[in-house]
Amino acid sequence: MSPLDKMWSSFVAIGLMAGASVLIVYARSRARRIVRVLGTLVATILLLLAVVYALVALV
């Protein structure tokens, strides 16, 4: 994997982490019950994808 690909992989990971953070803040503070659960679930999935992209950037 080229250094440029690693850079883009890390940018994707950062973006996914930021998206997960915004989503979890919204879900925990303003959403109703079912939206809160779904938002938390989606944010967790985004965070797990971010970890995968971050690990790919390290290899």
Protein backbone atom coordinates (compact mmCIF):
# COMPACT_ATOMS: atom_id res chain seq x y z
CA MET A 1 0.00 0.00 0.00
CA SER A 2 1.46 3.33 -1.03
CA PRO A 3 1.94 6.18 1.43
CA LEU A 4 -0.76 8.18 -0.37
CA ASP A 5 -3.26 5.34 0.11
CA LYS A 6 -2.35 5.21 3.80
CA MET A 7 -2.97 8.95 4.07
CA TRP A 8 -6.44 8.63 2.53
CA SER A 9 -7.22 5.67 4.75
CA SER A 10 -6.36 7.71 7.82
CA PHE A 11 -8.50 10.62 6.54
CA VAL A 12 -11.45 8.26 6.14
CA ALA A 13 -10.88 6.96 9.68
CA ILE A 14 -10.81 10.51 11.05
CA GLY A 15 -14.00 11.37 9.18
CA LEU A 16 -15.78 8.26 10.44
CA MET A 17 -14.73 9.04 14.01
CA ALA A 18 -16.00 12.61 13.70
CA GLY A 19 -19.28 11.37 12.23
CA ALA A 20 -19.69 8.83 15.02
CA SER A 21 -19.00 11.51 17.61
CA VAL A 22 -21.58 13.92 16.19
CA LEU A 23 -24.15 11.15 15.86
CA ILE A 24 -23.69 9.90 19.42
CA VAL A 25 -23.94 13.43 20.83
CA TYR A 26 -27.18 14.00 18.93
CA ALA A 27 -28.60 10.60 19.83
CA ARG A 28 -27.83 10.97 23.53
CA SER A 29 -29.01 14.56 23.94
CA ARG A 30 -31.97 15.23 21.64
CA ALA A 31 -33.38 12.05 20.18
CA ARG A 32 -36.34 9.97 21.30
CA ARG A 33 -36.03 6.37 22.49
CA ILE A 34 -35.93 4.42 19.19
CA VAL A 35 -33.85 7.07 17.41
CA ARG A 36 -31.47 7.08 20.38
CA VAL A 37 -30.95 3.33 20.14
CA LEU A 38 -30.55 3.36 16.35
CA GLY A 39 -28.22 6.36 16.48
CA THR A 40 -26.05 4.69 19.08
CA LEU A 41 -25.95 1.49 17.04
CA VAL A 42 -24.97 3.33 13.84
CA ALA A 43 -22.35 5.36 15.71
CA THR A 44 -20.84 2.16 17.11
CA ILE A 45 -20.66 0.64 13.63
CA LEU A 46 -19.02 3.81 12.30
CA LEU A 47 -16.49 3.69 15.12
CA LEU A 48 -15.64 0.06 14.38
CA LEU A 49 -15.16 0.90 10.69
CA ALA A 50 -12.93 3.80 11.70
CA VAL A 51 -10.76 1.42 13.74
CA VAL A 52 -10.42 -0.88 10.72
CA TYR A 53 -9.39 2.02 8.46
CA ALA A 54 -6.93 3.26 11.09
CA LEU A 55 -5.34 -0.16 11.37
CA VAL A 56 -5.07 -0.38 7.57
CA ALA A 57 -3.31 3.00 7.59
CA LEU A 58 -0.78 1.69 10.11
CA VAL A 59 0.16 -1.44 8.16
